[in-house]
Amino acid sequence: NTISQINNFQRLLPTLQLLGVMISDKVVMGLVQQEPGVATRLLYQIYIALRRKEKAQLSKLAMETMRPSATAKLASISSKMYNERLKSMIPREVDVILRNVSSQFVALGKEMKEEVNQKHEEELHKKQNILEQQRTENQESLREAKRKNEELMAKIQASLIHVSKPMPQKMAKMIEKRKEELRKKEAEVRDTVKIRAV
């Protein structure tokens, strides 16, 4: 609990100052965040300070009376300032909880966004697969229709009977005339050949 930690440091500060143990902001933050070794160093400093006071055979009352009044007044003012600084240094428990809750909601929002994106990608992939399947089916049906059309055209071509058209009258007369001319030439050539042979 943050409030109890601040209260503990506020109660300890005058005693630590009376012993001559200097506690810095870094040490306080290390204790709050439970960094390894910070508490051990602070306890060792307290132990050394207590041994010195014990050797000097000073009690708490004697230490307080030996301290000059200006130093005592300054210590009380600095302890008030230190208390205020402690409050600003150590985050309130409510702030820590609120930060944790907000980070949880941010993480939850990211997860939800990822799920939506993943679903969207899956839907796109399904649509692409369906379109690809339809395209291949269309291509197959076109090939099948083309093959059937070719078969039908081949059957039609095979069943067709070619009937020659009658020649036009002029053309027939010209052909007949030409044939007649050819016969006459052949006859002349034969006659010429017979005459020479005789």
N, C-alpha and C. Protein backbone atom coordinates (compact mmCIF):
# COMPACT_ATOMS: atom_id res chain seq x y z
N ASN A 1 0.85 -1.17 0.00
CA ASN A 1 0.00 0.00 0.00
C ASN A 1 0.90 1.24 0.00
N THR A 2 0.65 2.15 -0.90
CA THR A 2 1.49 3.33 -1.08
C THR A 2 1.38 4.29 0.09
N ILE A 3 0.18 4.49 0.60
CA ILE A 3 -0.02 5.43 1.71
C ILE A 3 0.72 4.97 2.96
N SER A 4 0.66 3.67 3.22
CA SER A 4 1.37 3.16 4.40
C SER A 4 2.88 3.27 4.21
N GLN A 5 3.37 3.09 2.98
CA GLN A 5 4.81 3.25 2.73
C GLN A 5 5.24 4.69 3.00
N ILE A 6 4.45 5.64 2.54
CA ILE A 6 4.78 7.06 2.78
C ILE A 6 4.75 7.37 4.27
N ASN A 7 3.75 6.87 4.97
CA ASN A 7 3.66 7.09 6.42
C ASN A 7 4.86 6.49 7.15
N ASN A 8 5.27 5.30 6.72
CA ASN A 8 6.44 4.67 7.35
C ASN A 8 7.69 5.52 7.16
N PHE A 9 7.92 6.02 5.96
CA PHE A 9 9.10 6.85 5.71
C PHE A 9 9.02 8.16 6.49
N GLN A 10 7.81 8.72 6.61
CA GLN A 10 7.65 9.98 7.37
C GLN A 10 7.99 9.76 8.84
N ARG A 11 7.64 8.61 9.37
CA ARG A 11 7.93 8.33 10.78
C ARG A 11 9.40 8.00 11.00
N LEU A 12 10.01 7.36 9.99
CA LEU A 12 11.42 6.98 10.13
C LEU A 12 12.38 8.15 9.92
N LEU A 13 12.00 9.12 9.12
CA LEU A 13 12.92 10.19 8.72
C LEU A 13 13.51 10.96 9.91
N PRO A 14 12.72 11.42 10.89
CA PRO A 14 13.34 12.16 12.01
C PRO A 14 14.36 11.32 12.78
N THR A 15 14.06 10.04 12.96
CA THR A 15 14.98 9.18 13.69
C THR A 15 16.27 8.97 12.89
N LEU A 16 16.13 8.75 11.58
CA LEU A 16 17.31 8.58 10.74
C LEU A 16 18.16 9.85 10.72
N GLN A 17 17.52 11.00 10.69
CA GLN A 17 18.26 12.26 10.70
C GLN A 17 18.97 12.45 12.04
N LEU A 18 18.32 12.06 13.12
CA LEU A 18 18.92 12.17 14.44
C LEU A 18 20.15 11.27 14.55
N LEU A 19 20.09 10.10 13.91
CA LEU A 19 21.24 9.20 13.92
C LEU A 19 22.34 9.67 12.96
N GLY A 20 21.99 10.53 12.02
CA GLY A 20 22.97 11.01 11.06
C GLY A 20 23.02 10.16 9.80
N VAL A 21 21.98 9.37 9.60
CA VAL A 21 21.90 8.54 8.40
C VAL A 21 21.19 9.35 7.32
N MET A 22 21.88 9.55 6.22
CA MET A 22 21.29 10.32 5.11
C MET A 22 20.57 9.35 4.17
N ILE A 23 19.31 9.64 3.92
CA ILE A 23 18.52 8.80 3.03
C ILE A 23 18.12 9.65 1.82
N SER A 24 18.48 9.18 0.64
CA SER A 24 18.22 9.95 -0.57
C SER A 24 16.94 9.46 -1.25
N ASP A 25 16.54 10.24 -2.25
CA ASP A 25 15.35 9.86 -3.02
C ASP A 25 15.56 8.52 -3.73
N LYS A 26 16.78 8.32 -4.20
CA LYS A 26 17.09 7.08 -4.92
C LYS A 26 16.92 5.87 -4.00
N VAL A 27 17.35 6.03 -2.75
CA VAL A 27 17.23 4.93 -1.77
C VAL A 27 15.76 4.66 -1.48
N VAL A 28 14.98 5.73 -1.32
CA VAL A 28 13.55 5.57 -1.04
C VAL A 28 12.86 4.84 -2.20
N MET A 29 13.14 5.27 -3.44
CA MET A 29 12.53 4.61 -4.59
C MET A 29 12.98 3.15 -4.69
N GLY A 30 14.25 2.89 -4.36
CA GLY A 30 14.74 1.52 -4.37
C GLY A 30 14.03 0.65 -3.35
N LEU A 31 13.74 1.22 -2.17
CA LEU A 31 13.01 0.47 -1.14
C LEU A 31 11.57 0.21 -1.57
N VAL A 32 10.94 1.24 -2.17
CA VAL A 32 9.55 1.08 -2.59
C VAL A 32 9.44 0.03 -3.70
N GLN A 33 10.40 0.07 -4.62
CA GLN A 33 10.36 -0.88 -5.74
C GLN A 33 11.01 -2.22 -5.41
N GLN A 34 11.47 -2.35 -4.18
CA GLN A 34 12.06 -3.59 -3.65
C GLN A 34 13.24 -4.06 -4.49
N GLU A 35 14.13 -3.11 -4.77
CA GLU A 35 15.34 -3.46 -5.50
C GLU A 35 16.28 -4.22 -4.57
N PRO A 36 16.96 -5.23 -5.09
CA PRO A 36 17.84 -6.03 -4.22
C PRO A 36 19.05 -5.21 -3.75
N GLY A 37 19.37 -5.33 -2.47
CA GLY A 37 20.56 -4.71 -1.90
C GLY A 37 20.33 -3.34 -1.28
N VAL A 38 19.23 -2.67 -1.62
CA VAL A 38 18.98 -1.31 -1.11
C VAL A 38 18.69 -1.36 0.40
N ALA A 39 17.82 -2.24 0.81
CA ALA A 39 17.46 -2.35 2.23
C ALA A 39 18.68 -2.79 3.05
N THR A 40 19.50 -3.66 2.49
CA THR A 40 20.69 -4.14 3.21
C THR A 40 21.66 -2.98 3.48
N ARG A 41 21.89 -2.13 2.47
CA ARG A 41 22.80 -0.98 2.65
C ARG A 41 22.26 -0.01 3.69
N LEU A 42 20.93 0.23 3.64
CA LEU A 42 20.33 1.15 4.62
C LEU A 42 20.45 0.58 6.03
N LEU A 43 20.20 -0.69 6.20
CA LEU A 43 20.34 -1.31 7.53
C LEU A 43 21.78 -1.24 8.03
N TYR A 44 22.73 -1.41 7.11
CA TYR A 44 24.15 -1.33 7.51
C TYR A 44 24.50 0.09 7.97
N GLN A 45 23.99 1.10 7.24
CA GLN A 45 24.24 2.49 7.65
C GLN A 45 23.64 2.77 9.03
N ILE A 46 22.44 2.25 9.29
CA ILE A 46 21.79 2.42 10.60
C ILE A 46 22.62 1.72 11.67
N TYR A 47 23.11 0.52 11.36
CA TYR A 47 23.92 -0.24 12.31
C TYR A 47 25.20 0.53 12.67
N ILE A 48 25.89 1.08 11.66
CA ILE A 48 27.12 1.85 11.90
C ILE A 48 26.80 3.08 12.76
N ALA A 49 25.72 3.78 12.43
CA ALA A 49 25.35 4.99 13.18
C ALA A 49 25.03 4.64 14.63
N LEU A 50 24.33 3.54 14.86
CA LEU A 50 23.99 3.13 16.23
C LEU A 50 25.24 2.73 17.01
N ARG A 51 26.19 2.08 16.35
CA ARG A 51 27.44 1.70 17.03
C ARG A 51 28.23 2.93 17.46
N ARG A 52 28.24 3.97 16.60
CA ARG A 52 28.94 5.21 16.96
C ARG A 52 28.29 5.86 18.18
N LYS A 53 26.96 5.91 18.17
CA LYS A 53 26.25 6.55 19.30
C LYS A 53 26.43 5.73 20.57
N GLU A 54 26.52 4.41 20.39
CA GLU A 54 26.70 3.54 21.56
C GLU A 54 28.09 3.74 22.17
N LYS A 55 29.09 3.91 21.31
CA LYS A 55 30.44 4.15 21.79
C LYS A 55 30.52 5.48 22.51
N ALA A 56 29.77 6.44 21.99
CA ALA A 56 29.76 7.76 22.64
C ALA A 56 28.83 7.76 23.85
N GLN A 57 28.12 6.70 24.08
CA GLN A 57 27.20 6.52 25.21
C GLN A 57 26.16 7.64 25.26
N LEU A 58 25.51 7.83 24.09
CA LEU A 58 24.48 8.87 23.97
C LEU A 58 23.12 8.21 23.84
N SER A 59 22.15 8.75 24.57
CA SER A 59 20.78 8.28 24.45
C SER A 59 20.05 9.19 23.47
N LYS A 60 18.82 8.84 23.20
CA LYS A 60 18.04 9.65 22.25
C LYS A 60 17.83 11.05 22.79
N LEU A 61 17.53 11.15 24.09
CA LEU A 61 17.29 12.45 24.71
C LEU A 61 18.56 13.29 24.67
N ALA A 62 19.68 12.65 24.92
CA ALA A 62 20.96 13.38 24.91
C ALA A 62 21.28 13.85 23.49
N MET A 63 21.00 13.01 22.52
CA MET A 63 21.28 13.41 21.13
C MET A 63 20.40 14.59 20.73
N GLU A 64 19.13 14.58 21.17
CA GLU A 64 18.23 15.67 20.82
C GLU A 64 18.63 16.97 21.51
N THR A 65 19.09 16.88 22.75
CA THR A 65 19.48 18.11 23.47
C THR A 65 20.81 18.65 22.95
N MET A 66 21.68 17.78 22.46
CA MET A 66 22.97 18.23 21.94
C MET A 66 22.83 18.91 20.57
N ARG A 67 21.76 18.60 19.91
CA ARG A 67 21.59 19.18 18.58
C ARG A 67 21.22 20.66 18.74
N PRO A 68 21.85 21.54 17.97
CA PRO A 68 21.51 22.96 18.06
C PRO A 68 20.08 23.20 17.61
N SER A 69 19.45 24.26 18.14
CA SER A 69 18.04 24.52 17.83
C SER A 69 17.84 24.86 16.35
N ALA A 70 18.82 25.54 15.75
CA ALA A 70 18.70 25.89 14.34
C ALA A 70 18.69 24.62 13.47
N THR A 71 19.53 23.70 13.83
CA THR A 71 19.58 22.43 13.09
C THR A 71 18.29 21.66 13.29
N ALA A 72 17.74 21.67 14.52
CA ALA A 72 16.49 20.98 14.80
C ALA A 72 15.35 21.60 14.00
N LYS A 73 15.32 22.95 13.96
CA LYS A 73 14.28 23.64 13.21
C LYS A 73 14.41 23.32 11.71
N LEU A 74 15.65 23.36 11.23
CA LEU A 74 15.90 23.05 9.82
C LEU A 74 15.49 21.60 9.51
N ALA A 75 15.76 20.70 10.45
CA ALA A 75 15.41 19.30 10.24
C ALA A 75 13.90 19.13 10.17
N SER A 76 13.15 19.86 11.01
CA SER A 76 11.69 19.73 10.97
C SER A 76 11.13 20.30 9.66
N ILE A 77 11.72 21.43 9.19
CA ILE A 77 11.27 22.01 7.92
C ILE A 77 11.62 21.07 6.76
N SER A 78 12.85 20.56 6.80
CA SER A 78 13.26 19.67 5.70
C SER A 78 12.46 18.38 5.73
N SER A 79 12.04 17.93 6.93
CA SER A 79 11.23 16.71 6.97
C SER A 79 9.86 16.95 6.36
N LYS A 80 9.30 18.17 6.55
CA LYS A 80 8.02 18.49 5.90
C LYS A 80 8.20 18.52 4.38
N MET A 81 9.29 19.14 3.94
CA MET A 81 9.56 19.19 2.50
C MET A 81 9.79 17.78 1.95
N TYR A 82 10.50 17.00 2.76
CA TYR A 82 10.79 15.63 2.34
C TYR A 82 9.50 14.82 2.23
N ASN A 83 8.58 15.06 3.17
CA ASN A 83 7.29 14.35 3.14
C ASN A 83 6.52 14.69 1.86
N GLU A 84 6.53 15.98 1.50
CA GLU A 84 5.85 16.38 0.27
C GLU A 84 6.51 15.77 -0.96
N ARG A 85 7.84 15.76 -0.94
CA ARG A 85 8.56 15.17 -2.06
C ARG A 85 8.30 13.66 -2.15
N LEU A 86 8.19 13.02 -0.99
CA LEU A 86 7.87 11.59 -0.97
C LEU A 86 6.52 11.33 -1.63
N LYS A 87 5.56 12.20 -1.31
CA LYS A 87 4.22 12.01 -1.90
C LYS A 87 4.26 12.13 -3.41
N SER A 88 5.11 13.05 -3.90
CA SER A 88 5.19 13.19 -5.36
C SER A 88 6.02 12.08 -6.00
N MET A 89 7.00 11.56 -5.26
CA MET A 89 7.86 10.50 -5.81
C MET A 89 7.16 9.16 -5.88
N ILE A 90 6.50 8.81 -4.81
CA ILE A 90 5.86 7.50 -4.74
C ILE A 90 4.45 7.64 -5.29
N PRO A 91 4.15 6.91 -6.33
CA PRO A 91 2.82 7.04 -6.92
C PRO A 91 1.75 6.50 -5.98
N ARG A 92 0.59 7.16 -6.04
CA ARG A 92 -0.51 6.69 -5.20
C ARG A 92 -0.98 5.33 -5.70
N GLU A 93 -1.52 4.57 -4.78
CA GLU A 93 -1.98 3.22 -5.12
C GLU A 93 -3.10 3.28 -6.15
N VAL A 94 -3.95 4.29 -6.03
CA VAL A 94 -5.05 4.45 -6.98
C VAL A 94 -4.49 4.67 -8.39
N ASP A 95 -3.41 5.50 -8.48
CA ASP A 95 -2.81 5.74 -9.79
C ASP A 95 -2.21 4.47 -10.37
N VAL A 96 -1.57 3.69 -9.50
CA VAL A 96 -0.97 2.43 -9.97
C VAL A 96 -2.05 1.48 -10.46
N ILE A 97 -3.14 1.37 -9.70
CA ILE A 97 -4.24 0.48 -10.09
C ILE A 97 -4.86 0.96 -11.40
N LEU A 98 -5.07 2.29 -11.49
CA LEU A 98 -5.65 2.85 -12.70
C LEU A 98 -4.76 2.60 -13.92
N ARG A 99 -3.44 2.76 -13.73
CA ARG A 99 -2.50 2.49 -14.82
C ARG A 99 -2.56 1.03 -15.25
N ASN A 100 -2.63 0.13 -14.25
CA ASN A 100 -2.72 -1.30 -14.57
C ASN A 100 -4.01 -1.63 -15.33
N VAL A 101 -5.13 -1.05 -14.86
CA VAL A 101 -6.41 -1.30 -15.52
C VAL A 101 -6.39 -0.77 -16.95
N SER A 102 -5.86 0.46 -17.11
CA SER A 102 -5.83 1.03 -18.46
C SER A 102 -4.91 0.22 -19.38
N SER A 103 -3.78 -0.28 -18.85
CA SER A 103 -2.90 -1.10 -19.69
C SER A 103 -3.57 -2.42 -20.05
N GLN A 104 -4.37 -2.97 -19.12
CA GLN A 104 -5.11 -4.19 -19.43
C GLN A 104 -6.11 -3.95 -20.56
N PHE A 105 -6.82 -2.79 -20.49
CA PHE A 105 -7.79 -2.48 -21.53
C PHE A 105 -7.12 -2.20 -22.87
N VAL A 106 -5.95 -1.58 -22.83
CA VAL A 106 -5.21 -1.36 -24.07
C VAL A 106 -4.81 -2.70 -24.68
N ALA A 107 -4.32 -3.61 -23.83
CA ALA A 107 -3.94 -4.94 -24.33
C ALA A 107 -5.17 -5.69 -24.87
N LEU A 108 -6.29 -5.57 -24.15
CA LEU A 108 -7.52 -6.22 -24.60
C LEU A 108 -7.98 -5.64 -25.94
N GLY A 109 -7.87 -4.31 -26.07
CA GLY A 109 -8.23 -3.66 -27.34
C GLY A 109 -7.36 -4.14 -28.48
N LYS A 110 -6.05 -4.30 -28.22
CA LYS A 110 -5.14 -4.81 -29.26
C LYS A 110 -5.53 -6.23 -29.66
N GLU A 111 -5.85 -7.06 -28.66
CA GLU A 111 -6.25 -8.44 -28.95
C GLU A 111 -7.51 -8.48 -29.81
N MET A 112 -8.49 -7.62 -29.43
CA MET A 112 -9.74 -7.59 -30.19
C MET A 112 -9.49 -7.12 -31.62
N LYS A 113 -8.62 -6.11 -31.75
CA LYS A 113 -8.30 -5.60 -33.09
C LYS A 113 -7.63 -6.68 -33.93
N GLU A 114 -6.70 -7.42 -33.31
CA GLU A 114 -6.03 -8.51 -34.02
C GLU A 114 -7.02 -9.59 -34.44
N GLU A 115 -7.98 -9.91 -33.54
CA GLU A 115 -8.99 -10.93 -33.88
C GLU A 115 -9.83 -10.47 -35.06
N VAL A 116 -10.24 -9.17 -35.04
CA VAL A 116 -11.05 -8.64 -36.14
C VAL A 116 -10.26 -8.69 -37.44
N ASN A 117 -8.98 -8.27 -37.37
CA ASN A 117 -8.14 -8.30 -38.57
C ASN A 117 -7.97 -9.73 -39.08
N GLN A 118 -7.78 -10.68 -38.15
CA GLN A 118 -7.60 -12.07 -38.54
C GLN A 118 -8.87 -12.61 -39.20
N LYS A 119 -10.05 -12.27 -38.62
CA LYS A 119 -11.31 -12.73 -39.21
C LYS A 119 -11.49 -12.12 -40.60
N HIS A 120 -11.14 -10.85 -40.72
CA HIS A 120 -11.26 -10.17 -42.01
C HIS A 120 -10.36 -10.84 -43.06
N GLU A 121 -9.13 -11.15 -42.66
CA GLU A 121 -8.21 -11.83 -43.58
C GLU A 121 -8.73 -13.21 -43.96
N GLU A 122 -9.30 -13.93 -42.99
CA GLU A 122 -9.85 -15.25 -43.28
C GLU A 122 -11.01 -15.16 -44.27
N GLU A 123 -11.88 -14.14 -44.07
CA GLU A 123 -13.01 -13.96 -44.98
C GLU A 123 -12.51 -13.63 -46.39
N LEU A 124 -11.51 -12.75 -46.48
CA LEU A 124 -10.94 -12.42 -47.78
C LEU A 124 -10.35 -13.66 -48.45
N HIS A 125 -9.65 -14.47 -47.65
CA HIS A 125 -9.05 -15.70 -48.18
C HIS A 125 -10.14 -16.65 -48.69
N LYS A 126 -11.23 -16.77 -47.91
CA LYS A 126 -12.33 -17.64 -48.33
C LYS A 126 -12.95 -17.13 -49.64
N LYS A 127 -13.16 -15.80 -49.71
CA LYS A 127 -13.75 -15.22 -50.93
C LYS A 127 -12.83 -15.46 -52.13
N GLN A 128 -11.53 -15.29 -51.92
CA GLN A 128 -10.59 -15.52 -53.01
C GLN A 128 -10.62 -16.98 -53.45
N ASN A 129 -10.70 -17.90 -52.48
CA ASN A 129 -10.78 -19.33 -52.82
C ASN A 129 -12.05 -19.63 -53.61
N ILE A 130 -13.17 -19.03 -53.17
CA ILE A 130 -14.45 -19.26 -53.86
C ILE A 130 -14.37 -18.71 -55.29
N LEU A 131 -13.81 -17.49 -55.44
CA LEU A 131 -13.68 -16.90 -56.77
C LEU A 131 -12.77 -17.74 -57.66
N GLU A 132 -11.69 -18.23 -57.10
CA GLU A 132 -10.76 -19.09 -57.86
C GLU A 132 -11.45 -20.38 -58.30
N GLN A 133 -12.23 -20.95 -57.38
CA GLN A 133 -12.95 -22.18 -57.70
C GLN A 133 -13.99 -21.92 -58.79
N GLN A 134 -14.71 -20.79 -58.68
CA GLN A 134 -15.69 -20.45 -59.71
C GLN A 134 -15.01 -20.22 -61.06
N ARG A 135 -13.85 -19.57 -61.03
CA ARG A 135 -13.11 -19.32 -62.28
C ARG A 135 -12.71 -20.63 -62.94
N THR A 136 -12.19 -21.57 -62.13
CA THR A 136 -11.78 -22.86 -62.71
C THR A 136 -13.00 -23.63 -63.23
N GLU A 137 -14.12 -23.55 -62.48
CA GLU A 137 -15.35 -24.22 -62.95
C GLU A 137 -15.83 -23.60 -64.26
N ASN A 138 -15.77 -22.27 -64.35
CA ASN A 138 -16.19 -21.59 -65.58
C ASN A 138 -15.29 -21.98 -66.75
N GLN A 139 -13.99 -22.05 -66.49
CA GLN A 139 -13.06 -22.45 -67.54
C GLN A 139 -13.35 -23.88 -68.01
N GLU A 140 -13.61 -24.76 -67.04
CA GLU A 140 -13.93 -26.15 -67.39
C GLU A 140 -15.22 -26.23 -68.20
N SER A 141 -16.24 -25.47 -67.78
CA SER A 141 -17.52 -25.50 -68.51
C SER A 141 -17.34 -24.91 -69.91
N LEU A 142 -16.50 -23.86 -70.05
CA LEU A 142 -16.23 -23.31 -71.37
C LEU A 142 -15.51 -24.32 -72.25
N ARG A 143 -14.54 -25.01 -71.67
CA ARG A 143 -13.83 -26.04 -72.44
C ARG A 143 -14.79 -27.13 -72.89
N GLU A 144 -15.65 -27.55 -71.97
CA GLU A 144 -16.62 -28.61 -72.29
C GLU A 144 -17.58 -28.15 -73.38
N ALA A 145 -18.04 -26.90 -73.28
CA ALA A 145 -18.96 -26.36 -74.30
C ALA A 145 -18.25 -26.26 -75.64
N LYS A 146 -16.99 -25.84 -75.64
CA LYS A 146 -16.23 -25.73 -76.88
C LYS A 146 -16.04 -27.11 -77.51
N ARG A 147 -15.71 -28.10 -76.65
CA ARG A 147 -15.53 -29.47 -77.15
C ARG A 147 -16.83 -30.01 -77.76
N LYS A 148 -17.94 -29.78 -77.06
CA LYS A 148 -19.24 -30.25 -77.58
C LYS A 148 -19.57 -29.54 -78.89
N ASN A 149 -19.27 -28.24 -78.95
CA ASN A 149 -19.52 -27.47 -80.16
C ASN A 149 -18.71 -28.02 -81.33
N GLU A 150 -17.42 -28.34 -81.04
CA GLU A 150 -16.58 -28.90 -82.09
C GLU A 150 -17.09 -30.26 -82.56
N GLU A 151 -17.53 -31.08 -81.60
CA GLU A 151 -18.09 -32.39 -81.96
C GLU A 151 -19.33 -32.21 -82.82
N LEU A 152 -20.19 -31.29 -82.43
CA LEU A 152 -21.42 -31.04 -83.18
C LEU A 152 -21.10 -30.54 -84.59
N MET A 153 -20.12 -29.65 -84.69
CA MET A 153 -19.73 -29.13 -86.00
C MET A 153 -19.15 -30.26 -86.87
N ALA A 154 -18.37 -31.18 -86.25
CA ALA A 154 -17.82 -32.30 -87.00
C ALA A 154 -18.93 -33.21 -87.50
N LYS A 155 -19.94 -33.46 -86.66
CA LYS A 155 -21.08 -34.30 -87.07
C LYS A 155 -21.84 -33.63 -88.21
N ILE A 156 -22.01 -32.33 -88.07
CA ILE A 156 -22.74 -31.59 -89.13
C ILE A 156 -21.96 -31.66 -90.43
N GLN A 157 -20.63 -31.47 -90.33
CA GLN A 157 -19.80 -31.52 -91.55
C GLN A 157 -19.84 -32.91 -92.18
N ALA A 158 -19.84 -33.94 -91.30
CA ALA A 158 -19.86 -35.31 -91.83
C ALA A 158 -21.20 -35.64 -92.48
N SER A 159 -22.28 -35.09 -91.95
CA SER A 159 -23.59 -35.43 -92.48
C SER A 159 -23.98 -34.58 -93.69
N LEU A 160 -23.21 -33.59 -93.99
CA LEU A 160 -23.53 -32.74 -95.14
C LEU A 160 -23.25 -33.49 -96.44
N ILE A 161 -24.14 -33.39 -97.39
CA ILE A 161 -23.95 -33.96 -98.71
C ILE A 161 -23.67 -32.78 -99.62
N HIS A 162 -22.54 -32.91 -100.30
CA HIS A 162 -22.19 -31.82 -101.19
C HIS A 162 -22.91 -32.01 -102.51
N VAL A 163 -23.75 -31.12 -102.81
CA VAL A 163 -24.47 -31.14 -104.07
C VAL A 163 -23.87 -30.03 -104.93
N SER A 164 -23.42 -30.43 -106.10
CA SER A 164 -22.82 -29.41 -106.94
C SER A 164 -23.92 -28.56 -107.56
N LYS A 165 -23.64 -27.34 -107.68
CA LYS A 165 -24.63 -26.43 -108.24
C LYS A 165 -24.62 -26.59 -109.76
N PRO A 166 -25.74 -26.46 -110.33
CA PRO A 166 -25.73 -26.51 -111.80
C PRO A 166 -25.03 -25.25 -112.33
N MET A 167 -24.27 -25.49 -113.37
CA MET A 167 -23.53 -24.38 -113.93
C MET A 167 -24.49 -23.43 -114.63
N PRO A 168 -24.13 -22.21 -114.63
CA PRO A 168 -24.97 -21.28 -115.39
C PRO A 168 -24.91 -21.62 -116.89
N GLN A 169 -25.93 -21.25 -117.61
CA GLN A 169 -26.09 -21.60 -119.03
C GLN A 169 -24.94 -21.09 -119.88
N LYS A 170 -24.52 -19.88 -119.65
CA LYS A 170 -23.44 -19.30 -120.46
C LYS A 170 -22.17 -20.09 -120.24
N MET A 171 -21.92 -20.41 -119.00
CA MET A 171 -20.70 -21.11 -118.65
C MET A 171 -20.69 -22.49 -119.31
N ALA A 172 -21.83 -23.16 -119.29
CA ALA A 172 -21.93 -24.49 -119.88
C ALA A 172 -21.67 -24.42 -121.39
N LYS A 173 -22.21 -23.41 -122.05
CA LYS A 173 -22.01 -23.25 -123.48
C LYS A 173 -20.55 -22.98 -123.78
N MET A 174 -19.91 -22.18 -122.95
CA MET A 174 -18.50 -21.85 -123.16
C MET A 174 -17.65 -23.10 -123.00
N ILE A 175 -17.97 -23.91 -122.01
CA ILE A 175 -17.21 -25.14 -121.78
C ILE A 175 -17.40 -26.08 -122.97
N GLU A 176 -18.64 -26.20 -123.42
CA GLU A 176 -18.93 -27.07 -124.57
C GLU A 176 -18.18 -26.57 -125.79
N LYS A 177 -18.19 -25.29 -126.01
CA LYS A 177 -17.50 -24.70 -127.15
C LYS A 177 -16.02 -25.00 -127.07
N ARG A 178 -15.47 -24.86 -125.87
CA ARG A 178 -14.03 -25.09 -125.64
C ARG A 178 -13.71 -26.56 -125.92
N LYS A 179 -14.58 -27.46 -125.43
CA LYS A 179 -14.36 -28.89 -125.65
C LYS A 179 -14.38 -29.18 -127.15
N GLU A 180 -15.30 -28.59 -127.86
CA GLU A 180 -15.43 -28.78 -129.30
C GLU A 180 -14.18 -28.30 -130.02
N GLU A 181 -13.66 -27.15 -129.61
CA GLU A 181 -12.45 -26.61 -130.22
C GLU A 181 -11.29 -27.56 -129.98
N LEU A 182 -11.20 -28.11 -128.74
CA LEU A 182 -10.13 -29.04 -128.41
C LEU A 182 -10.22 -30.30 -129.28
N ARG A 183 -11.42 -30.82 -129.49
CA ARG A 183 -11.61 -32.01 -130.31
C ARG A 183 -11.16 -31.75 -131.75
N LYS A 184 -11.52 -30.55 -132.25
CA LYS A 184 -11.15 -30.21 -133.62
C LYS A 184 -9.64 -30.14 -133.74
N LYS A 185 -8.98 -29.54 -132.77
CA LYS A 185 -7.52 -29.42 -132.81
C LYS A 185 -6.89 -30.79 -132.76
N GLU A 186 -7.43 -31.65 -131.90
CA GLU A 186 -6.89 -33.01 -131.82
C GLU A 186 -7.07 -33.74 -133.16
N ALA A 187 -8.21 -33.55 -133.77
CA ALA A 187 -8.46 -34.20 -135.06
C ALA A 187 -7.50 -33.68 -136.12
N GLU A 188 -7.26 -32.40 -136.14
CA GLU A 188 -6.33 -31.80 -137.10
C GLU A 188 -4.93 -32.35 -136.87
N VAL A 189 -4.54 -32.44 -135.57
CA VAL A 189 -3.22 -32.93 -135.24
C VAL A 189 -3.11 -34.38 -135.70
N ARG A 190 -4.14 -35.19 -135.52
CA ARG A 190 -4.11 -36.58 -135.95
C ARG A 190 -4.01 -36.67 -137.48
N ASP A 191 -4.79 -35.84 -138.11
CA ASP A 191 -4.74 -35.84 -139.57
C ASP A 191 -3.34 -35.45 -140.05
N THR A 192 -2.76 -34.48 -139.44
CA THR A 192 -1.43 -34.03 -139.83
C THR A 192 -0.42 -35.14 -139.60
N VAL A 193 -0.55 -35.84 -138.51
CA VAL A 193 0.37 -36.91 -138.19
C VAL A 193 0.19 -38.04 -139.19
N LYS A 194 -1.03 -38.36 -139.63
CA LYS A 194 -1.29 -39.45 -140.58
C LYS A 194 -0.71 -39.08 -141.94
N ILE A 195 -0.87 -37.83 -142.29
CA ILE A 195 -0.36 -37.38 -143.60
C ILE A 195 1.17 -37.49 -143.58
N ARG A 196 1.79 -37.15 -142.63
CA ARG A 196 3.25 -37.21 -142.60
C ARG A 196 3.70 -38.65 -142.59
N ALA A 197 2.94 -39.48 -141.91
CA ALA A 197 3.34 -40.87 -141.81
C ALA A 197 3.19 -41.56 -143.18
N VAL A 198 2.33 -41.13 -143.96
CA VAL A 198 2.13 -41.77 -145.27
C VAL A 198 3.20 -41.29 -146.13
